[in-house]
Amino acid sequence: SDLAAYQNLFAEENGEVQILKTLPGQNKAQKTVNAALLLSFANQLLGRDTTTYKEIRRICSANACLDGSNFSKTLQAEKESFIIAGSGKSKTVKLTIPGRKRAAELAAELNAQ
C-alpha cells in the first residue's frame, strides 16, 4: 500500500493506523490537530476518505493529548483543513485540498526524522 512509503511514521495493525512518532505541537490543541491531519492522511493512503472522531481520539489518548472538553471545538476551528460531517460521537473528518497538502508536508517531515 501507499502507507508503506511512510514506514517510519505509520504502522497498520488490524486495520487501525498507529502513529509511531511523537505528535508535534506546543499544546494539546496543536497535537490534536496534527493527529487529525496525520490520521486522515494515512486513511486516505489506505483508500478511506473519512476518519472518525473516535479514531482521532484514540490517537490523542495514546499520545496523552486528549482534551475531551475541547476536542470537537479544536477540530472545528480548523475550517481550512477539515470538512466535518455527522453529529455527536459519529462525526467524521475529511481533508480539504489545503488540509491534504498540510498533512502531506507534516507526514513527509516526520517520516524523514
PDB file of N, CA and C in Angstrom:
ATOM      1  N   SER A   1       0.843  -1.202   0.000  1.00  0.00           N
ATOM      2  CA  SER A   1       0.000   0.000   0.000  1.00  0.00           C
ATOM      3  C   SER A   1       0.875   1.249   0.000  1.00  0.00           C
ATOM      4  N   ASP A   2       0.250   2.392  -0.270  1.00  0.00           N
ATOM      5  CA  ASP A   2       0.969   3.669  -0.266  1.00  0.00           C
ATOM      6  C   ASP A   2       1.458   4.025   1.127  1.00  0.00           C
ATOM      7  N   LEU A   3       0.845   3.400   2.124  1.00  0.00           N
ATOM      8  CA  LEU A   3       1.244   3.641   3.510  1.00  0.00           C
ATOM      9  C   LEU A   3       2.688   3.192   3.743  1.00  0.00           C
ATOM     10  N   ALA A   4       3.138   2.202   2.987  1.00  0.00           N
ATOM     11  CA  ALA A   4       4.492   1.656   3.129  1.00  0.00           C
ATOM     12  C   ALA A   4       5.573   2.711   2.875  1.00  0.00           C
ATOM     13  N   ALA A   5       5.239   3.731   2.100  1.00  0.00           N
ATOM     14  CA  ALA A   5       6.187   4.817   1.829  1.00  0.00           C
ATOM     15  C   ALA A   5       6.481   5.627   3.092  1.00  0.00           C
ATOM     16  N   TYR A   6       5.633   5.459   4.108  1.00  0.00           N
ATOM     17  CA  TYR A   6       5.786   6.204   5.365  1.00  0.00           C
ATOM     18  C   TYR A   6       6.016   5.245   6.534  1.00  0.00           C
ATOM     19  N   GLN A   7       6.862   4.244   6.296  1.00  0.00           N
ATOM     20  CA  GLN A   7       7.016   3.192   7.319  1.00  0.00           C
ATOM     21  C   GLN A   7       7.669   3.665   8.606  1.00  0.00           C
ATOM     22  N   ASN A   8       8.352   4.819   8.587  1.00  0.00           N
ATOM     23  CA  ASN A   8       8.924   5.362   9.819  1.00  0.00           C
ATOM     24  C   ASN A   8       7.881   6.100  10.659  1.00  0.00           C
ATOM     25  N   LEU A   9       6.724   6.363  10.056  1.00  0.00           N
ATOM     26  CA  LEU A   9       5.701   7.177  10.708  1.00  0.00           C
ATOM     27  C   LEU A   9       4.429   6.401  11.037  1.00  0.00           C
ATOM     28  N   PHE A  10       3.999   5.548  10.103  1.00  0.00           N
ATOM     29  CA  PHE A  10       2.728   4.839  10.273  1.00  0.00           C
ATOM     30  C   PHE A  10       2.922   3.331  10.304  1.00  0.00           C
ATOM     31  N   ALA A  11       2.112   2.673  11.103  1.00  0.00           N
ATOM     32  CA  ALA A  11       2.003   1.221  11.054  1.00  0.00           C
ATOM     33  C   ALA A  11       0.518   0.904  11.071  1.00  0.00           C
ATOM     34  N   GLU A  12       0.157  -0.181  10.415  1.00  0.00           N
ATOM     35  CA  GLU A  12      -1.238  -0.592  10.424  1.00  0.00           C
ATOM     36  C   GLU A  12      -1.345  -1.925  11.140  1.00  0.00           C
ATOM     37  N   GLU A  13      -2.206  -1.948  12.133  1.00  0.00           N
ATOM     38  CA  GLU A  13      -2.393  -3.152  12.930  1.00  0.00           C
ATOM     39  C   GLU A  13      -3.888  -3.457  12.978  1.00  0.00           C
ATOM     40  N   ASN A  14      -4.277  -4.586  12.431  1.00  0.00           N
ATOM     41  CA  ASN A  14      -5.707  -4.969  12.415  1.00  0.00           C
ATOM     42  C   ASN A  14      -6.606  -3.859  11.864  1.00  0.00           C
ATOM     43  N   GLY A  15      -6.147  -3.222  10.796  1.00  0.00           N
ATOM     44  CA  GLY A  15      -6.952  -2.174  10.174  1.00  0.00           C
ATOM     45  C   GLY A  15      -6.913  -0.833  10.880  1.00  0.00           C
ATOM     46  N   GLU A  16      -6.207  -0.768  12.017  1.00  0.00           N
ATOM     47  CA  GLU A  16      -6.078   0.509  12.727  1.00  0.00           C
ATOM     48  C   GLU A  16      -4.705   1.099  12.462  1.00  0.00           C
ATOM     49  N   VAL A  17      -4.673   2.379  12.164  1.00  0.00           N
ATOM     50  CA  VAL A  17      -3.405   3.060  11.922  1.00  0.00           C
ATOM     51  C   VAL A  17      -2.791   3.489  13.253  1.00  0.00           C
ATOM     52  N   GLN A  18      -1.518   3.192  13.402  1.00  0.00           N
ATOM     53  CA  GLN A  18      -0.759   3.672  14.563  1.00  0.00           C
ATOM     54  C   GLN A  18       0.199   4.754  14.065  1.00  0.00           C
ATOM     55  N   ILE A  19       0.407   5.781  14.888  1.00  0.00           N
ATOM     56  CA  ILE A  19       1.399   6.809  14.564  1.00  0.00           C
ATOM     57  C   ILE A  19       2.613   6.534  15.447  1.00  0.00           C
ATOM     58  N   LEU A  20       3.749   6.305  14.804  1.00  0.00           N
ATOM     59  CA  LEU A  20       4.943   5.826  15.504  1.00  0.00           C
ATOM     60  C   LEU A  20       5.799   6.944  16.103  1.00  0.00           C
ATOM     61  N   LYS A  21       5.518   8.170  15.689  1.00  0.00           N
ATOM     62  CA  LYS A  21       6.311   9.299  16.189  1.00  0.00           C
ATOM     63  C   LYS A  21       5.525  10.083  17.233  1.00  0.00           C
ATOM     64  N   THR A  22       6.240  10.833  18.054  1.00  0.00           N
ATOM     65  CA  THR A  22       5.583  11.736  18.992  1.00  0.00           C
ATOM     66  C   THR A  22       4.876  12.820  18.188  1.00  0.00           C
ATOM     67  N   LEU A  23       3.646  13.101  18.544  1.00  0.00           N
ATOM     68  CA  LEU A  23       2.898  14.135  17.822  1.00  0.00           C
ATOM     69  C   LEU A  23       3.528  15.496  18.060  1.00  0.00           C
ATOM     70  N   PRO A  24       3.800  16.247  16.992  1.00  0.00           N
ATOM     71  CA  PRO A  24       4.339  17.589  17.178  1.00  0.00           C
ATOM     72  C   PRO A  24       3.257  18.558  17.660  1.00  0.00           C
ATOM     73  N   GLY A  25       3.673  19.599  18.335  1.00  0.00           N
ATOM     74  CA  GLY A  25       2.748  20.627  18.800  1.00  0.00           C
ATOM     75  C   GLY A  25       3.155  21.156  20.162  1.00  0.00           C
ATOM     76  N   GLN A  26       2.851  22.419  20.415  1.00  0.00           N
ATOM     77  CA  GLN A  26       3.221  23.085  21.672  1.00  0.00           C
ATOM     78  C   GLN A  26       2.217  22.788  22.779  1.00  0.00           C
ATOM     79  N   ASN A  27       1.010  22.373  22.394  1.00  0.00           N
ATOM     80  CA  ASN A  27      -0.042  22.147  23.390  1.00  0.00           C
ATOM     81  C   ASN A  27      -0.999  21.068  22.897  1.00  0.00           C
ATOM     82  N   LYS A  28      -1.972  20.725  23.725  1.00  0.00           N
ATOM     83  CA  LYS A  28      -2.919  19.658  23.370  1.00  0.00           C
ATOM     84  C   LYS A  28      -3.691  19.967  22.102  1.00  0.00           C
ATOM     85  N   ALA A  29      -4.080  21.225  21.932  1.00  0.00           N
ATOM     86  CA  ALA A  29      -4.857  21.606  20.745  1.00  0.00           C
ATOM     87  C   ALA A  29      -4.052  21.375  19.466  1.00  0.00           C
ATOM     88  N   GLN A  30      -2.796  21.835  19.448  1.00  0.00           N
ATOM     89  CA  GLN A  30      -1.956  21.653  18.255  1.00  0.00           C
ATOM     90  C   GLN A  30      -1.714  20.174  17.976  1.00  0.00           C
ATOM     91  N   LYS A  31      -1.477  19.413  19.036  1.00  0.00           N
ATOM     92  CA  LYS A  31      -1.244  17.980  18.865  1.00  0.00           C
ATOM     93  C   LYS A  31      -2.496  17.273  18.353  1.00  0.00           C
ATOM     94  N   THR A  32      -3.655  17.712  18.818  1.00  0.00           N
ATOM     95  CA  THR A  32      -4.925  17.137  18.356  1.00  0.00           C
ATOM     96  C   THR A  32      -5.119  17.385  16.866  1.00  0.00           C
ATOM     97  N   VAL A  33      -4.844  18.610  16.432  1.00  0.00           N
ATOM     98  CA  VAL A  33      -4.960  18.952  15.012  1.00  0.00           C
ATOM     99  C   VAL A  33      -3.977  18.119  14.192  1.00  0.00           C
ATOM    100  N   ASN A  34      -2.747  17.987  14.672  1.00  0.00           N
ATOM    101  CA  ASN A  34      -1.753  17.195  13.948  1.00  0.00           C
ATOM    102  C   ASN A  34      -2.131  15.715  13.913  1.00  0.00           C
ATOM    103  N   ALA A  35      -2.717  15.218  14.984  1.00  0.00           N
ATOM    104  CA  ALA A  35      -3.194  13.829  14.997  1.00  0.00           C
ATOM    105  C   ALA A  35      -4.263  13.630  13.927  1.00  0.00           C
ATOM    106  N   ALA A  36      -5.182  14.589  13.843  1.00  0.00           N
ATOM    107  CA  ALA A  36      -6.263  14.504  12.855  1.00  0.00           C
ATOM    108  C   ALA A  36      -5.718  14.595  11.432  1.00  0.00           C
ATOM    109  N   LEU A  37      -4.760  15.485  11.217  1.00  0.00           N
ATOM    110  CA  LEU A  37      -4.138  15.615   9.893  1.00  0.00           C
ATOM    111  C   LEU A  37      -3.456  14.312   9.485  1.00  0.00           C
ATOM    112  N   LEU A  38      -2.618  13.792  10.387  1.00  0.00           N
ATOM    113  CA  LEU A  38      -1.833  12.598  10.064  1.00  0.00           C
ATOM    114  C   LEU A  38      -2.708  11.363   9.871  1.00  0.00           C
ATOM    115  N   LEU A  39      -3.676  11.203  10.752  1.00  0.00           N
ATOM    116  CA  LEU A  39      -4.539  10.033  10.662  1.00  0.00           C
ATOM    117  C   LEU A  39      -5.414  10.093   9.407  1.00  0.00           C
ATOM    118  N   SER A  40      -5.934  11.266   9.091  1.00  0.00           N
ATOM    119  CA  SER A  40      -6.743  11.432   7.885  1.00  0.00           C
ATOM    120  C   SER A  40      -5.909  11.147   6.643  1.00  0.00           C
ATOM    121  N   PHE A  41      -4.669  11.596   6.668  1.00  0.00           N
ATOM    122  CA  PHE A  41      -3.751  11.370   5.555  1.00  0.00           C
ATOM    123  C   PHE A  41      -3.470   9.871   5.390  1.00  0.00           C
ATOM    124  N   ALA A  42      -3.174   9.199   6.497  1.00  0.00           N
ATOM    125  CA  ALA A  42      -2.912   7.748   6.460  1.00  0.00           C
ATOM    126  C   ALA A  42      -4.132   7.002   5.946  1.00  0.00           C
ATOM    127  N   ASN A  43      -5.309   7.374   6.421  1.00  0.00           N
ATOM    128  CA  ASN A  43      -6.531   6.709   5.968  1.00  0.00           C
ATOM    129  C   ASN A  43      -6.767   6.927   4.481  1.00  0.00           C
ATOM    130  N   GLN A  44      -6.452   8.127   3.987  1.00  0.00           N
ATOM    131  CA  GLN A  44      -6.585   8.387   2.546  1.00  0.00           C
ATOM    132  C   GLN A  44      -5.652   7.473   1.748  1.00  0.00           C
ATOM    133  N   LEU A  45      -4.429   7.278   2.266  1.00  0.00           N
ATOM    134  CA  LEU A  45      -3.487   6.381   1.587  1.00  0.00           C
ATOM    135  C   LEU A  45      -4.030   4.955   1.537  1.00  0.00           C
ATOM    136  N   LEU A  46      -4.859   4.611   2.517  1.00  0.00           N
ATOM    137  CA  LEU A  46      -5.469   3.281   2.571  1.00  0.00           C
ATOM    138  C   LEU A  46      -6.806   3.230   1.822  1.00  0.00           C
ATOM    139  N   GLY A  47      -7.153   4.341   1.174  1.00  0.00           N
ATOM    140  CA  GLY A  47      -8.374   4.369   0.381  1.00  0.00           C
ATOM    141  C   GLY A  47      -9.624   4.719   1.172  1.00  0.00           C
ATOM    142  N   ARG A  48      -9.439   5.258   2.379  1.00  0.00           N
ATOM    143  CA  ARG A  48     -10.588   5.669   3.198  1.00  0.00           C
ATOM    144  C   ARG A  48     -10.675   7.192   3.174  1.00  0.00           C
ATOM    145  N   ASP A  49     -11.802   7.679   2.719  1.00  0.00           N
ATOM    146  CA  ASP A  49     -11.956   9.118   2.534  1.00  0.00           C
ATOM    147  C   ASP A  49     -12.189   9.885   3.820  1.00  0.00           C
ATOM    148  N   THR A  50     -12.818   9.208   4.783  1.00  0.00           N
ATOM    149  CA  THR A  50     -13.134   9.902   6.030  1.00  0.00           C
ATOM    150  C   THR A  50     -12.488   9.193   7.217  1.00  0.00           C
ATOM    151  N   THR A  51     -12.302   9.947   8.270  1.00  0.00           N
ATOM    152  CA  THR A  51     -11.710   9.458   9.514  1.00  0.00           C
ATOM    153  C   THR A  51     -12.673   9.809  10.641  1.00  0.00           C
ATOM    154  N   THR A  52     -12.927   8.870  11.521  1.00  0.00           N
ATOM    155  CA  THR A  52     -13.890   9.139  12.592  1.00  0.00           C
ATOM    156  C   THR A  52     -13.238   9.891  13.752  1.00  0.00           C
ATOM    157  N   TYR A  53     -14.076  10.651  14.459  1.00  0.00           N
ATOM    158  CA  TYR A  53     -13.626  11.303  15.689  1.00  0.00           C
ATOM    159  C   TYR A  53     -13.069  10.253  16.648  1.00  0.00           C
ATOM    160  N   LYS A  54     -13.720   9.086  16.659  1.00  0.00           N
ATOM    161  CA  LYS A  54     -13.304   8.011  17.565  1.00  0.00           C
ATOM    162  C   LYS A  54     -11.842   7.612  17.306  1.00  0.00           C
ATOM    163  N   GLU A  55     -11.478   7.489  16.032  1.00  0.00           N
ATOM    164  CA  GLU A  55     -10.100   7.130  15.674  1.00  0.00           C
ATOM    165  C   GLU A  55      -9.113   8.210  16.119  1.00  0.00           C
ATOM    166  N   ILE A  56      -9.493   9.466  15.894  1.00  0.00           N
ATOM    167  CA  ILE A  56      -8.606  10.580  16.260  1.00  0.00           C
ATOM    168  C   ILE A  56      -8.450  10.649  17.781  1.00  0.00           C
ATOM    169  N   ARG A  57      -9.554  10.428  18.491  1.00  0.00           N
ATOM    170  CA  ARG A  57      -9.499  10.419  19.962  1.00  0.00           C
ATOM    171  C   ARG A  57      -8.553   9.326  20.458  1.00  0.00           C
ATOM    172  N   ARG A  58      -8.594   8.170  19.792  1.00  0.00           N
ATOM    173  CA  ARG A  58      -7.725   7.053  20.175  1.00  0.00           C
ATOM    174  C   ARG A  58      -6.244   7.453  20.059  1.00  0.00           C
ATOM    175  N   ILE A  59      -5.900   8.124  18.969  1.00  0.00           N
ATOM    176  CA  ILE A  59      -4.516   8.571  18.764  1.00  0.00           C
ATOM    177  C   ILE A  59      -4.135   9.621  19.807  1.00  0.00           C
ATOM    178  N   CYS A  60      -5.056  10.547  20.071  1.00  0.00           N
ATOM    179  CA  CYS A  60      -4.788  11.597  21.061  1.00  0.00           C
ATOM    180  C   CYS A  60      -4.601  10.978  22.445  1.00  0.00           C
ATOM    181  N   SER A  61      -5.427  10.009  22.748  1.00  0.00           N
ATOM    182  CA  SER A  61      -5.338   9.321  24.022  1.00  0.00           C
ATOM    183  C   SER A  61      -3.981   8.627  24.161  1.00  0.00           C
ATOM    184  N   ALA A  62      -3.556   7.957  23.110  1.00  0.00           N
ATOM    185  CA  ALA A  62      -2.273   7.250  23.105  1.00  0.00           C
ATOM    186  C   ALA A  62      -1.101   8.210  23.249  1.00  0.00           C
ATOM    187  N   ASN A  63      -1.293   9.451  22.818  1.00  0.00           N
ATOM    188  CA  ASN A  63      -0.234  10.462  22.887  1.00  0.00           C
ATOM    189  C   ASN A  63      -0.430  11.446  24.032  1.00  0.00           C
ATOM    190  N   ALA A  64      -1.327  11.100  24.938  1.00  0.00           N
ATOM    191  CA  ALA A  64      -1.583  11.921  26.136  1.00  0.00           C
ATOM    192  C   ALA A  64      -1.911  13.377  25.807  1.00  0.00           C
ATOM    193  N   CYS A  65      -2.648  13.597  24.722  1.00  0.00           N
ATOM    194  CA  CYS A  65      -3.029  14.972  24.390  1.00  0.00           C
ATOM    195  C   CYS A  65      -4.537  15.106  24.202  1.00  0.00           C
ATOM    196  N   LEU A  66      -5.296  14.141  24.710  1.00  0.00           N
ATOM    197  CA  LEU A  66      -6.744  14.220  24.554  1.00  0.00           C
ATOM    198  C   LEU A  66      -7.330  15.227  25.546  1.00  0.00           C
ATOM    199  N   ASP A  67      -7.927  16.284  24.997  1.00  0.00           N
ATOM    200  CA  ASP A  67      -8.612  17.283  25.818  1.00  0.00           C
ATOM    201  C   ASP A  67     -10.095  17.117  25.504  1.00  0.00           C
ATOM    202  N   GLY A  68     -10.729  16.227  26.248  1.00  0.00           N
ATOM    203  CA  GLY A  68     -12.103  15.831  25.956  1.00  0.00           C
ATOM    204  C   GLY A  68     -13.079  16.972  25.781  1.00  0.00           C
ATOM    205  N   SER A  69     -12.985  17.970  26.653  1.00  0.00           N
ATOM    206  CA  SER A  69     -13.978  19.052  26.624  1.00  0.00           C
ATOM    207  C   SER A  69     -13.789  20.001  25.445  1.00  0.00           C
ATOM    208  N   ASN A  70     -12.588  20.075  24.894  1.00  0.00           N
ATOM    209  CA  ASN A  70     -12.330  20.997  23.770  1.00  0.00           C
ATOM    210  C   ASN A  70     -12.049  20.288  22.452  1.00  0.00           C
ATOM    211  N   PHE A  71     -12.097  18.950  22.466  1.00  0.00           N
ATOM    212  CA  PHE A  71     -11.711  18.150  21.301  1.00  0.00           C
ATOM    213  C   PHE A  71     -12.439  18.584  20.020  1.00  0.00           C
ATOM    214  N   SER A  72     -13.758  18.583  20.076  1.00  0.00           N
ATOM    215  CA  SER A  72     -14.558  18.902  18.896  1.00  0.00           C
ATOM    216  C   SER A  72     -14.348  20.347  18.450  1.00  0.00           C
ATOM    217  N   LYS A  73     -14.320  21.252  19.416  1.00  0.00           N
ATOM    218  CA  LYS A  73     -14.145  22.676  19.124  1.00  0.00           C
ATOM    219  C   LYS A  73     -12.799  22.928  18.437  1.00  0.00           C
ATOM    220  N   THR A  74     -11.773  22.223  18.916  1.00  0.00           N
ATOM    221  CA  THR A  74     -10.427  22.372  18.351  1.00  0.00           C
ATOM    222  C   THR A  74     -10.417  21.969  16.872  1.00  0.00           C
ATOM    223  N   LEU A  75     -11.047  20.847  16.544  1.00  0.00           N
ATOM    224  CA  LEU A  75     -11.074  20.389  15.156  1.00  0.00           C
ATOM    225  C   LEU A  75     -11.956  21.290  14.291  1.00  0.00           C
ATOM    226  N   GLN A  76     -13.078  21.729  14.843  1.00  0.00           N
ATOM    227  CA  GLN A  76     -13.993  22.560  14.058  1.00  0.00           C
ATOM    228  C   GLN A  76     -13.414  23.931  13.740  1.00  0.00           C
ATOM    229  N   ALA A  77     -12.449  24.372  14.540  1.00  0.00           N
ATOM    230  CA  ALA A  77     -11.814  25.667  14.289  1.00  0.00           C
ATOM    231  C   ALA A  77     -10.902  25.627  13.058  1.00  0.00           C
ATOM    232  N   GLU A  78     -10.507  24.420  12.647  1.00  0.00           N
ATOM    233  CA  GLU A  78      -9.573  24.266  11.518  1.00  0.00           C
ATOM    234  C   GLU A  78     -10.331  24.122  10.200  1.00  0.00           C
ATOM    235  N   LYS A  79     -11.141  25.125   9.895  1.00  0.00           N
ATOM    236  CA  LYS A  79     -12.020  25.053   8.727  1.00  0.00           C
ATOM    237  C   LYS A  79     -11.269  24.922   7.404  1.00  0.00           C
ATOM    238  N   GLU A  80     -10.049  25.426   7.362  1.00  0.00           N
ATOM    239  CA  GLU A  80      -9.295  25.364   6.116  1.00  0.00           C
ATOM    240  C   GLU A  80      -8.802  23.940   5.826  1.00  0.00           C
ATOM    241  N   SER A  81      -8.600  23.156   6.889  1.00  0.00           N
ATOM    242  CA  SER A  81      -8.021  21.822   6.720  1.00  0.00           C
ATOM    243  C   SER A  81      -9.030  20.680   6.714  1.00  0.00           C
ATOM    244  N   PHE A  82     -10.131  20.855   7.440  1.00  0.00           N
ATOM    245  CA  PHE A  82     -11.060  19.741   7.625  1.00  0.00           C
ATOM    246  C   PHE A  82     -12.493  20.059   7.208  1.00  0.00           C
ATOM    247  N   ILE A  83     -13.128  19.069   6.605  1.00  0.00           N
ATOM    248  CA  ILE A  83     -14.573  19.110   6.393  1.00  0.00           C
ATOM    249  C   ILE A  83     -15.143  18.129   7.409  1.00  0.00           C
ATOM    250  N   ILE A  84     -15.977  18.633   8.320  1.00  0.00           N
ATOM    251  CA  ILE A  84     -16.521  17.787   9.378  1.00  0.00           C
ATOM    252  C   ILE A  84     -17.988  17.509   9.094  1.00  0.00           C
ATOM    253  N   ALA A  85     -18.341  16.218   9.160  1.00  0.00           N
ATOM    254  CA  ALA A  85     -19.717  15.804   8.880  1.00  0.00           C
ATOM    255  C   ALA A  85     -20.230  14.946  10.025  1.00  0.00           C
ATOM    256  N   GLY A  86     -21.546  14.730  10.032  1.00  0.00           N
ATOM    257  CA  GLY A  86     -22.140  13.883  11.055  1.00  0.00           C
ATOM    258  C   GLY A  86     -22.416  14.651  12.328  1.00  0.00           C
ATOM    259  N   SER A  87     -22.825  13.924  13.371  1.00  0.00           N
ATOM    260  CA  SER A  87     -23.122  14.585  14.637  1.00  0.00           C
ATOM    261  C   SER A  87     -22.684  13.724  15.807  1.00  0.00           C
ATOM    262  N   GLY A  88     -22.458  14.408  16.925  1.00  0.00           N
ATOM    263  CA  GLY A  88     -22.089  13.709  18.154  1.00  0.00           C
ATOM    264  C   GLY A  88     -20.874  12.824  17.996  1.00  0.00           C
ATOM    265  N   LYS A  89     -20.975  11.638  18.539  1.00  0.00           N
ATOM    266  CA  LYS A  89     -19.847  10.713  18.549  1.00  0.00           C
ATOM    267  C   LYS A  89     -19.537  10.144  17.156  1.00  0.00           C
ATOM    268  N   SER A  90     -20.495  10.261  16.242  1.00  0.00           N
ATOM    269  CA  SER A  90     -20.285   9.678  14.911  1.00  0.00           C
ATOM    270  C   SER A  90     -19.752  10.684  13.897  1.00  0.00           C
ATOM    271  N   LYS A  91     -19.207  11.791  14.382  1.00  0.00           N
ATOM    272  CA  LYS A  91     -18.639  12.780  13.466  1.00  0.00           C
ATOM    273  C   LYS A  91     -17.431  12.217  12.731  1.00  0.00           C
ATOM    274  N   THR A  92     -17.267  12.703  11.501  1.00  0.00           N
ATOM    275  CA  THR A  92     -16.112  12.307  10.701  1.00  0.00           C
ATOM    276  C   THR A  92     -15.399  13.546  10.184  1.00  0.00           C
ATOM    277  N   VAL A  93     -14.136  13.341   9.849  1.00  0.00           N
ATOM    278  CA  VAL A  93     -13.277  14.389   9.325  1.00  0.00           C
ATOM    279  C   VAL A  93     -12.810  13.968   7.935  1.00  0.00           C
ATOM    280  N   LYS A  94     -12.798  14.911   7.036  1.00  0.00           N
ATOM    281  CA  LYS A  94     -12.253  14.678   5.697  1.00  0.00           C
ATOM    282  C   LYS A  94     -11.317  15.837   5.393  1.00  0.00           C
ATOM    283  N   LEU A  95     -10.195  15.558   4.783  1.00  0.00           N
ATOM    284  CA  LEU A  95      -9.240  16.621   4.466  1.00  0.00           C
ATOM    285  C   LEU A  95      -9.718  17.456   3.286  1.00  0.00           C
ATOM    286  N   THR A  96      -9.555  18.764   3.404  1.00  0.00           N
ATOM    287  CA  THR A  96      -9.745  19.656   2.263  1.00  0.00           C
ATOM    288  C   THR A  96      -8.476  19.548   1.408  1.00  0.00           C
ATOM    289  N   ILE A  97      -8.454  20.201   0.263  1.00  0.00           N
ATOM    290  CA  ILE A  97      -7.244  20.209  -0.570  1.00  0.00           C
ATOM    291  C   ILE A  97      -6.072  20.854   0.192  1.00  0.00           C
ATOM    292  N   PRO A  98      -6.273  22.052   0.806  1.00  0.00           N
ATOM    293  CA  PRO A  98      -5.173  22.615   1.600  1.00  0.00           C
ATOM    294  C   PRO A  98      -4.812  21.729   2.797  1.00  0.00           C
ATOM    295  N   GLY A  99      -5.815  21.087   3.368  1.00  0.00           N
ATOM    296  CA  GLY A  99      -5.576  20.197   4.506  1.00  0.00           C
ATOM    297  C   GLY A  99      -4.712  19.010   4.113  1.00  0.00           C
ATOM    298  N   ARG A 100      -4.974  18.467   2.931  1.00  0.00           N
ATOM    299  CA  ARG A 100      -4.191  17.337   2.451  1.00  0.00           C
ATOM    300  C   ARG A 100      -2.733  17.749   2.210  1.00  0.00           C
ATOM    301  N   LYS A 101      -2.556  18.950   1.667  1.00  0.00           N
ATOM    302  CA  LYS A 101      -1.208  19.453   1.419  1.00  0.00           C
ATOM    303  C   LYS A 101      -0.461  19.623   2.744  1.00  0.00           C
ATOM    304  N   ARG A 102      -1.147  20.196   3.724  1.00  0.00           N
ATOM    305  CA  ARG A 102      -0.563  20.413   5.053  1.00  0.00           C
ATOM    306  C   ARG A 102      -0.213  19.067   5.702  1.00  0.00           C
ATOM    307  N   ALA A 103      -1.112  18.105   5.573  1.00  0.00           N
ATOM    308  CA  ALA A 103      -0.898  16.776   6.160  1.00  0.00           C
ATOM    309  C   ALA A 103       0.261  16.056   5.478  1.00  0.00           C
ATOM    310  N   ALA A 104       0.332  16.179   4.152  1.00  0.00           N
ATOM    311  CA  ALA A 104       1.400  15.515   3.383  1.00  0.00           C
ATOM    312  C   ALA A 104       2.764  16.073   3.768  1.00  0.00           C
ATOM    313  N   GLU A 105       2.830  17.387   3.955  1.00  0.00           N
ATOM    314  CA  GLU A 105       4.098  18.021   4.343  1.00  0.00           C
ATOM    315  C   GLU A 105       4.518  17.565   5.741  1.00  0.00           C
ATOM    316  N   LEU A 106       3.563  17.518   6.653  1.00  0.00           N
ATOM    317  CA  LEU A 106       3.835  17.083   8.016  1.00  0.00           C
ATOM    318  C   LEU A 106       4.287  15.620   8.034  1.00  0.00           C
ATOM    319  N   ALA A 107       3.598  14.785   7.280  1.00  0.00           N
ATOM    320  CA  ALA A 107       3.933  13.352   7.223  1.00  0.00           C
ATOM    321  C   ALA A 107       5.332  13.133   6.652  1.00  0.00           C
ATOM    322  N   ALA A 108       5.658  13.869   5.589  1.00  0.00           N
ATOM    323  CA  ALA A 108       6.977  13.736   4.957  1.00  0.00           C
ATOM    324  C   ALA A 108       8.077  14.142   5.924  1.00  0.00           C
ATOM    325  N   GLU A 109       7.830  15.224   6.650  1.00  0.00           N
ATOM    326  CA  GLU A 109       8.800  15.749   7.616  1.00  0.00           C
ATOM    327  C   GLU A 109       9.043  14.738   8.750  1.00  0.00           C
ATOM    328  N   LEU A 110       7.972  14.212   9.307  1.00  0.00           N
ATOM    329  CA  LEU A 110       8.089  13.267  10.429  1.00  0.00           C
ATOM    330  C   LEU A 110       8.681  11.922   9.982  1.00  0.00           C
ATOM    331  N   ASN A 111       8.324  11.501   8.780  1.00  0.00           N
ATOM    332  CA  ASN A 111       8.813  10.220   8.252  1.00  0.00           C
ATOM    333  C   ASN A 111      10.319  10.273   8.019  1.00  0.00           C
ATOM    334  N   ALA A 112      10.829  11.476   7.718  1.00  0.00           N
ATOM    335  CA  ALA A 112      12.260  11.642   7.412  1.00  0.00           C
ATOM    336  C   ALA A 112      13.112  11.718   8.689  1.00  0.00           C
ATOM    337  N   GLN A 113      12.478  11.925   9.833  1.00  0.00           N
ATOM    338  CA  GLN A 113      13.240  12.094  11.084  1.00  0.00           C
ATOM    339  C   GLN A 113      13.758  10.764  11.601  1.00  0.00           C
TER     340      GLN A 113
END
